[in-house]
Amino acid sequence: MSDLTIGLLSALLATNQPTAISNVIQQQTGITVPVANENDPAEKELRVVMQGDDAAQAEVNDWISTNNIAATNTVAKVQFRQRIMSRFDEVRQSYEHFLRNHPDSAHGFLAYGSFLNDIGDEDGAQVQYENSKQLDPKNPAVWNNLANYYGEHGPITNAFSYYTEAIRLNPSEPVYYQNFATTVYLYRTDVKEFYHLNEQQTFDKALGLYKQAMSLDPSNIVLATDYAESYYGIKPLRTNDALVAWTNAFNIAQDENEREGVRVHLARVKISAGFYDDAQAELDAITNASFTEMKIHLERSLADHKNPPTNSVPETSTNNLISPANILVSPTNAIPIPTNGVPALTNPPVPATNSANILTNVLPLTPKLTSHHLLAPPTGFRMATNY
């Protein structure tokens, strides 16, 4: 099961269903985790349950993708949702049967919790995660998933502590840093109080965590854009750092649609930086019709910046701006490094994340904390299920 399914279920309620479903799919990312002790009989039995989970998910996703229920047909939509939940109830019963026979399976409780989280039963998921943690407190995935829960439901300080523990147990998993970064960014007031930081130091903490995640997963475009978007919340705008971040996202984009999406942001930052000709060049390169509205908005903004009203107050920015033409890209990790004496962001501190849950057997997720089951500002949190 994955958050993708739940995202698609939510999209069914949207007015423009095709657009909503497309947006959900585009926002998803996922990670896989290895399954340990594959020869253990209990693990083999759990794998069968998880495969049934996957099969149900695939079936429901197929129902959703071919659904043609009118947005105004409330009764039909309710019946359709009942059909979906009935299918998922079969999976629920399979997990519960397995856990009755194997009450010492930490992996089973983790997988079941991930399934419950996917179908929207977050409180039920939290109970199963706690069961898993009691049985295997050294599994970083369960600490990450519980941190995701506390990040949404409180107390938020539990999320800080649990992400820290997940990272301590597995400092090489980028999802944990990303989730922690997202949480720090979202709950800056709590972060300032808990860690005794000021506003700019809090931003630096979030950015540092994002940078650490990117150093571990440098080709992840979703992560790169989450990181770059975080600069919009910082005042004054750290213009050069934002340009470096968006340039990096552009360099690792996989297709022209992704590159044009990044160009929208590059144009926005360049307008703020006063690089009007460069901003116009970015806008001229955008041809995808889906970006037309934003392109028009930015062209108006560019015109206003070129010819500001007499009583306007110019936007301030930092970082001793340099021309975007001088931004180079490191060949080792695709993270741009500017020249002319203007350094890129410093390396992040190693912690003592849009976060992601690590699930056990799922496809890509929706905008939520990432769990480790088999995962932005924030696109979402990610889940995790380390086996």
Protein backbone atom coordinates (compact mmCIF):
# COMPACT_ATOMS: atom_id res chain seq x y z
CA MET A 1 0.00 0.00 0.00
CA SER A 2 1.15 3.51 -0.65
CA ASP A 3 0.13 7.07 0.04
CA LEU A 4 -0.33 7.36 -3.72
CA THR A 5 -3.55 5.40 -3.37
CA ILE A 6 -4.83 7.71 -0.65
CA GLY A 7 -3.85 10.72 -2.69
CA LEU A 8 -5.84 9.38 -5.61
CA LEU A 9 -8.80 8.72 -3.34
CA SER A 10 -8.70 12.36 -2.26
CA ALA A 11 -8.40 13.45 -5.85
CA LEU A 12 -11.72 11.75 -6.57
CA LEU A 13 -13.37 14.49 -4.53
CA ALA A 14 -11.73 17.27 -6.50
CA THR A 15 -13.68 19.30 -9.06
CA ASN A 16 -11.10 18.76 -11.80
CA GLN A 17 -10.35 15.08 -11.21
CA PRO A 18 -7.89 14.44 -14.09
CA THR A 19 -5.79 17.43 -13.05
CA ALA A 20 -5.95 16.54 -9.38
CA ILE A 21 -4.93 12.93 -10.00
CA SER A 22 -2.10 14.05 -12.26
CA ASN A 23 -0.83 16.41 -9.59
CA VAL A 24 -0.87 13.66 -6.97
CA ILE A 25 1.12 11.31 -9.17
CA GLN A 26 3.68 13.98 -10.05
CA GLN A 27 4.23 14.74 -6.37
CA GLN A 28 5.07 11.19 -5.43
CA THR A 29 8.47 9.73 -4.76
CA GLY A 30 9.33 6.42 -3.22
CA ILE A 31 12.16 4.39 -1.85
CA THR A 32 12.69 0.68 -1.49
CA VAL A 33 14.18 -1.08 1.47
CA PRO A 34 15.68 -4.53 1.60
CA VAL A 35 13.90 -7.40 3.31
CA ALA A 36 16.05 -9.22 5.85
CA ASN A 37 15.87 -12.88 6.80
CA GLU A 38 14.02 -13.87 3.64
CA ASN A 39 14.36 -17.54 4.52
CA ASP A 40 12.63 -17.15 7.87
CA PRO A 41 9.17 -18.79 7.73
CA ALA A 42 7.48 -15.83 9.41
CA GLU A 43 9.15 -13.41 7.01
CA LYS A 44 8.01 -15.51 4.08
CA GLU A 45 4.46 -15.48 5.39
CA LEU A 46 4.64 -11.72 5.93
CA ARG A 47 5.91 -11.29 2.40
CA VAL A 48 2.78 -13.03 1.10
CA VAL A 49 0.62 -10.63 3.10
CA MET A 50 2.56 -7.68 1.74
CA GLN A 51 2.22 -8.98 -1.80
CA GLY A 52 -1.53 -9.13 -1.21
CA ASP A 53 -1.29 -5.53 -0.01
CA ASP A 54 0.48 -4.59 -3.26
CA ALA A 55 -2.09 -6.47 -5.35
CA ALA A 56 -4.97 -4.67 -3.63
CA GLN A 57 -3.26 -1.36 -4.17
CA ALA A 58 -2.70 -2.06 -7.85
CA GLU A 59 -6.32 -3.11 -8.26
CA VAL A 60 -7.65 -0.01 -6.51
CA ASN A 61 -5.32 2.23 -8.50
CA ASP A 62 -6.70 0.66 -11.67
CA TRP A 63 -10.27 1.30 -10.51
CA ILE A 64 -9.42 4.91 -9.80
CA SER A 65 -7.61 5.52 -13.07
CA THR A 66 -10.56 4.18 -15.07
CA ASN A 67 -13.24 5.77 -12.90
CA ASN A 68 -15.60 8.06 -14.77
CA ILE A 69 -17.99 8.99 -11.99
CA ALA A 70 -19.20 12.56 -12.37
CA ALA A 71 -17.90 14.95 -9.72
CA THR A 72 -21.48 15.87 -8.83
CA ASN A 73 -22.65 12.27 -8.34
CA THR A 74 -22.20 12.10 -4.57
CA VAL A 75 -24.00 8.79 -4.11
CA ALA A 76 -21.89 7.02 -6.73
CA LYS A 77 -18.72 8.41 -5.21
CA VAL A 78 -19.68 7.16 -1.76
CA GLN A 79 -20.42 3.71 -3.17
CA PHE A 80 -17.13 3.72 -5.03
CA ARG A 81 -15.23 4.60 -1.87
CA GLN A 82 -17.04 1.81 0.01
CA ARG A 83 -15.95 -0.61 -2.68
CA ILE A 84 -12.35 0.50 -2.25
CA MET A 85 -12.43 0.28 1.52
CA SER A 86 -14.01 -3.16 1.33
CA ARG A 87 -11.07 -4.27 -0.81
CA PHE A 88 -8.63 -2.84 1.69
CA ASP A 89 -10.47 -4.51 4.54
CA GLU A 90 -9.34 -7.84 3.11
CA VAL A 91 -5.75 -6.66 3.49
CA ARG A 92 -6.41 -5.47 7.04
CA GLN A 93 -7.70 -8.91 7.99
CA SER A 94 -4.63 -10.56 6.46
CA TYR A 95 -2.28 -8.44 8.55
CA GLU A 96 -4.28 -9.05 11.73
CA HIS A 97 -4.31 -12.81 11.09
CA PHE A 98 -0.54 -12.79 10.58
CA LEU A 99 0.08 -10.82 13.78
CA ARG A 100 -2.13 -13.14 15.84
CA ASN A 101 0.14 -15.97 14.74
CA HIS A 102 3.35 -13.94 15.02
CA PRO A 103 2.92 -11.44 17.88
CA ASP A 104 6.71 -10.99 18.08
CA SER A 105 7.11 -9.77 14.48
CA ALA A 106 8.37 -6.19 14.64
CA HIS A 107 8.39 -6.10 10.84
CA GLY A 108 4.79 -7.24 10.74
CA PHE A 109 3.63 -4.46 13.05
CA LEU A 110 5.63 -1.95 11.03
CA ALA A 111 4.14 -3.14 7.75
CA TYR A 112 0.62 -3.13 9.20
CA GLY A 113 1.14 0.37 10.57
CA SER A 114 2.27 1.54 7.16
CA PHE A 115 -0.82 0.02 5.58
CA LEU A 116 -3.11 1.73 8.09
CA ASN A 117 -1.34 5.01 7.51
CA ASP A 118 -1.86 4.62 3.78
CA ILE A 119 -5.60 4.15 4.11
CA GLY A 120 -5.95 7.15 6.41
CA ASP A 121 -6.05 5.47 9.83
CA GLU A 122 -3.11 7.41 11.26
CA ASP A 123 -4.00 6.80 14.90
CA GLY A 124 -4.22 3.07 14.24
CA ALA A 125 -0.88 3.24 12.46
CA GLN A 126 0.72 4.95 15.47
CA VAL A 127 -0.36 2.07 17.73
CA GLN A 128 1.25 -0.48 15.39
CA TYR A 129 4.43 1.58 15.09
CA GLU A 130 4.70 1.68 18.88
CA ASN A 131 4.26 -2.10 18.98
CA SER A 132 7.06 -2.45 16.43
CA LYS A 133 9.32 -0.08 18.35
CA GLN A 134 8.86 -2.05 21.55
CA LEU A 135 9.94 -5.22 19.76
CA ASP A 136 12.79 -3.68 17.76
CA PRO A 137 13.91 -0.27 19.09
CA LYS A 138 17.00 -0.33 16.87
CA ASN A 139 15.02 -0.08 13.62
CA PRO A 140 15.38 3.55 12.42
CA ALA A 141 12.34 3.23 10.15
CA VAL A 142 9.89 2.98 13.01
CA TRP A 143 11.41 6.05 14.71
CA ASN A 144 11.01 7.95 11.44
CA ASN A 145 7.40 6.88 11.02
CA LEU A 146 6.53 7.79 14.59
CA ALA A 147 8.27 11.15 14.10
CA ASN A 148 6.02 11.70 11.09
CA TYR A 149 2.99 10.98 13.24
CA TYR A 150 4.03 13.34 16.04
CA GLY A 151 4.91 15.98 13.47
CA GLU A 152 1.29 15.99 12.37
CA HIS A 153 -0.49 15.27 15.64
CA GLY A 154 1.92 16.45 18.34
CA PRO A 155 3.68 16.82 20.57
CA ILE A 156 6.02 18.31 17.99
CA THR A 157 9.04 17.96 20.27
CA ASN A 158 8.61 14.18 20.02
CA ALA A 159 9.09 14.52 16.27
CA PHE A 160 12.37 16.37 16.78
CA SER A 161 13.67 13.69 19.13
CA TYR A 162 12.46 10.77 17.02
CA TYR A 163 13.98 12.05 13.78
CA THR A 164 17.23 12.57 15.64
CA GLU A 165 17.13 8.96 16.82
CA ALA A 166 16.33 7.66 13.33
CA ILE A 167 19.34 9.54 11.98
CA ARG A 168 21.55 8.27 14.81
CA LEU A 169 20.56 4.70 13.99
CA ASN A 170 21.04 5.14 10.23
CA PRO A 171 22.90 8.33 9.27
CA SER A 172 23.05 7.31 5.60
CA GLU A 173 19.29 7.43 4.90
CA PRO A 174 18.40 10.72 3.11
CA VAL A 175 14.69 10.42 3.86
CA TYR A 176 15.26 10.99 7.58
CA TYR A 177 17.15 14.23 6.96
CA GLN A 178 14.53 15.39 4.46
CA ASN A 179 11.66 14.73 6.85
CA PHE A 180 13.49 16.41 9.71
CA ALA A 181 14.27 19.41 7.49
CA THR A 182 10.64 19.72 6.46
CA THR A 183 9.50 19.60 10.08
CA VAL A 184 12.06 22.18 11.19
CA TYR A 185 10.94 24.46 8.37
CA LEU A 186 7.25 24.08 9.19
CA TYR A 187 7.51 24.45 12.96
CA ARG A 188 10.08 27.20 13.27
CA THR A 189 8.59 28.70 16.43
CA ASP A 190 8.82 25.37 18.24
CA VAL A 191 12.30 24.77 16.87
CA LYS A 192 13.52 28.14 18.13
CA GLU A 193 12.25 27.37 21.61
CA PHE A 194 13.42 23.75 21.71
CA TYR A 195 16.92 24.34 20.31
CA HIS A 196 17.35 27.95 21.55
CA LEU A 197 17.84 29.35 18.06
CA ASN A 198 16.90 32.62 16.39
CA GLU A 199 14.94 32.84 13.14
CA GLN A 200 17.91 32.78 10.77
CA GLN A 201 19.60 29.98 12.71
CA THR A 202 16.40 27.97 12.44
CA PHE A 203 16.38 28.40 8.67
CA ASP A 204 20.05 27.40 8.62
CA LYS A 205 19.20 24.22 10.53
CA ALA A 206 16.50 23.27 8.02
CA LEU A 207 18.74 24.09 5.07
CA GLY A 208 21.58 22.11 6.58
CA LEU A 209 19.39 19.04 6.93
CA TYR A 210 18.20 19.40 3.34
CA LYS A 211 21.82 19.69 2.21
CA GLN A 212 22.73 16.54 4.09
CA ALA A 213 19.86 14.68 2.40
CA MET A 214 20.99 15.97 -0.99
CA SER A 215 24.56 14.86 -0.40
CA LEU A 216 23.20 11.34 0.12
CA ASP A 217 20.73 11.49 -2.80
CA PRO A 218 22.06 14.12 -5.24
CA SER A 219 19.90 13.13 -8.21
CA ASN A 220 16.54 13.34 -6.39
CA ILE A 221 14.67 16.13 -8.18
CA VAL A 222 11.83 16.20 -5.63
CA LEU A 223 14.31 16.68 -2.82
CA ALA A 224 16.21 19.33 -4.78
CA THR A 225 13.07 21.34 -5.46
CA ASP A 226 11.88 21.02 -1.85
CA TYR A 227 15.21 22.45 -0.77
CA ALA A 228 15.13 25.26 -3.32
CA GLU A 229 11.54 26.20 -2.47
CA SER A 230 12.48 26.63 1.17
CA TYR A 231 14.29 29.85 0.30
CA TYR A 232 11.00 31.57 -0.44
CA GLY A 233 10.21 31.64 3.27
CA ILE A 234 13.46 33.36 4.26
CA LYS A 235 13.46 37.13 4.62
CA PRO A 236 15.48 38.83 3.35
CA LEU A 237 15.70 36.50 0.37
CA ARG A 238 19.08 34.77 0.11
CA THR A 239 19.08 35.40 -3.59
CA ASN A 240 22.36 33.86 -4.62
CA ASP A 241 21.82 30.72 -2.56
CA ALA A 242 18.34 30.38 -4.04
CA LEU A 243 19.77 30.69 -7.57
CA VAL A 244 22.36 28.04 -6.79
CA ALA A 245 19.65 25.70 -5.46
CA TRP A 246 17.36 26.18 -8.46
CA THR A 247 20.26 25.85 -10.89
CA ASN A 248 21.09 22.52 -9.28
CA ALA A 249 17.46 21.41 -9.65
CA PHE A 250 17.59 22.40 -13.32
CA ASN A 251 20.77 20.41 -13.88
CA ILE A 252 19.34 17.19 -12.44
CA ALA A 253 15.88 17.51 -14.03
CA GLN A 254 15.09 14.43 -16.12
CA ASP A 255 13.02 15.90 -18.92
CA GLU A 256 11.99 19.17 -20.52
CA ASN A 257 8.76 19.38 -18.52
CA GLU A 258 10.73 19.30 -15.27
CA ARG A 259 13.26 21.78 -16.62
CA GLU A 260 10.53 24.23 -17.63
CA GLY A 261 9.00 23.91 -14.19
CA VAL A 262 12.35 24.89 -12.70
CA ARG A 263 12.67 27.77 -15.16
CA VAL A 264 9.54 29.28 -13.63
CA HIS A 265 11.34 29.46 -10.30
CA LEU A 266 14.59 30.66 -11.82
CA ALA A 267 12.72 33.50 -13.46
CA ARG A 268 11.03 34.41 -10.19
CA VAL A 269 14.28 34.56 -8.26
CA LYS A 270 16.12 36.41 -11.04
CA ILE A 271 13.39 39.04 -11.09
CA SER A 272 13.87 39.54 -7.37
CA ALA A 273 17.64 39.67 -7.88
CA GLY A 274 17.41 42.31 -10.60
CA PHE A 275 18.63 40.04 -13.39
CA TYR A 276 15.85 41.16 -15.69
CA ASP A 277 17.35 40.05 -19.02
CA ASP A 278 18.18 36.63 -17.61
CA ALA A 279 14.67 36.36 -16.17
CA GLN A 280 13.17 37.21 -19.55
CA ALA A 281 15.32 34.55 -21.19
CA GLU A 282 13.99 31.96 -18.72
CA LEU A 283 10.42 32.99 -19.46
CA ASP A 284 11.00 32.92 -23.22
CA ALA A 285 12.20 29.31 -22.91
CA ILE A 286 8.94 28.19 -21.26
CA THR A 287 6.59 26.72 -23.88
CA ASN A 288 4.59 24.17 -21.88
CA ALA A 289 0.96 25.30 -21.79
CA SER A 290 0.56 24.12 -18.20
CA PHE A 291 2.86 26.94 -17.10
CA THR A 292 1.10 29.65 -19.11
CA GLU A 293 -0.73 31.26 -16.20
CA MET A 294 2.39 31.46 -14.06
CA LYS A 295 4.42 32.72 -17.00
CA ILE A 296 1.96 35.55 -17.57
CA HIS A 297 2.05 36.43 -13.88
CA LEU A 298 5.85 36.54 -13.88
CA GLU A 299 5.97 38.63 -17.06
CA ARG A 300 3.76 41.18 -15.35
CA SER A 301 5.98 41.06 -12.28
CA LEU A 302 9.04 41.57 -14.47
CA ALA A 303 7.44 44.60 -16.12
CA ASP A 304 6.58 46.06 -12.71
CA HIS A 305 10.14 45.58 -11.52
CA LYS A 306 11.56 47.22 -14.64
CA ASN A 307 9.18 50.15 -14.28
CA PRO A 308 8.31 50.37 -10.59
CA PRO A 309 5.74 52.83 -9.25
CA THR A 310 7.30 55.95 -7.77
CA ASN A 311 6.31 54.92 -4.23
CA SER A 312 7.48 51.31 -4.41
CA VAL A 313 9.94 49.84 -1.93
CA PRO A 314 12.56 47.57 -3.55
CA GLU A 315 12.84 44.03 -2.27
CA THR A 316 16.00 43.34 -0.34
CA SER A 317 18.14 40.29 -0.84
CA THR A 318 21.43 38.99 0.42
CA ASN A 319 24.51 37.05 -0.62
CA ASN A 320 26.43 39.67 -2.64
CA LEU A 321 24.72 38.75 -5.88
CA ILE A 322 26.65 37.38 -8.79
CA SER A 323 25.52 36.86 -12.34
CA PRO A 324 23.85 33.48 -12.85
CA ALA A 325 26.24 32.97 -15.72
CA ASN A 326 29.00 32.49 -13.19
CA ILE A 327 27.34 29.58 -11.42
CA LEU A 328 29.25 26.39 -12.05
CA VAL A 329 28.19 22.86 -11.36
CA SER A 330 30.28 20.40 -9.43
CA PRO A 331 30.64 17.27 -11.62
CA THR A 332 30.62 14.99 -8.60
CA ASN A 333 27.23 15.72 -7.12
CA ALA A 334 25.52 18.19 -9.45
CA ILE A 335 25.26 20.81 -6.71
CA PRO A 336 26.26 24.18 -8.21
CA ILE A 337 29.19 26.03 -6.76
CA PRO A 338 29.34 29.76 -7.54
CA THR A 339 32.59 31.50 -8.39
CA ASN A 340 33.79 35.07 -7.78
CA GLY A 341 34.28 34.48 -4.09
CA VAL A 342 30.65 33.77 -3.28
CA PRO A 343 30.47 30.39 -1.56
CA ALA A 344 27.60 27.98 -1.84
CA LEU A 345 25.82 27.01 1.34
CA THR A 346 28.09 25.54 3.97
CA ASN A 347 28.04 21.85 4.74
CA PRO A 348 25.21 21.01 7.11
CA PRO A 349 25.83 20.01 10.67
CA VAL A 350 25.41 16.34 11.40
CA PRO A 351 22.11 16.14 13.33
CA ALA A 352 22.41 14.77 17.18
CA THR A 353 12.18 16.30 7.46
CA ASN A 354 6.01 17.96 2.26
CA SER A 355 8.90 14.10 5.68
CA ALA A 356 8.80 10.48 4.55
CA ASN A 357 7.51 7.30 6.06
CA ILE A 358 9.44 4.18 5.28
CA LEU A 359 6.78 1.76 4.17
CA THR A 360 7.31 -1.91 3.57
CA ASN A 361 5.92 -2.73 0.17
CA VAL A 362 4.54 0.35 -1.44
CA LEU A 363 4.63 2.50 -4.51
CA PRO A 364 5.26 6.28 -4.39
CA LEU A 365 3.44 8.39 -1.76
CA THR A 366 1.42 11.57 -1.43
CA PRO A 367 2.39 14.83 0.24
CA LYS A 368 2.83 13.60 3.77
CA LEU A 369 5.76 12.79 5.97
CA THR A 370 7.69 9.96 4.40
CA SER A 371 7.57 6.64 6.19
CA HIS A 372 9.96 3.82 5.67
CA HIS A 373 7.75 1.04 4.44
CA LEU A 374 9.16 -0.46 1.71
CA LEU A 375 8.77 8.09 2.08
CA ALA A 376 8.80 19.05 0.91
CA PRO A 377 8.67 23.97 1.26
CA PRO A 378 7.52 20.85 1.94
CA THR A 379 6.16 18.52 -0.56
CA GLY A 380 5.65 15.91 2.04
CA PHE A 381 6.91 13.53 4.59
CA ARG A 382 8.05 10.07 3.70
CA MET A 383 7.61 6.68 5.30
CA ALA A 384 10.09 3.96 5.99
CA THR A 385 10.08 0.23 6.78
CA ASN A 386 13.55 -1.07 7.16
CA TYR A 387 13.76 -4.84 7.13
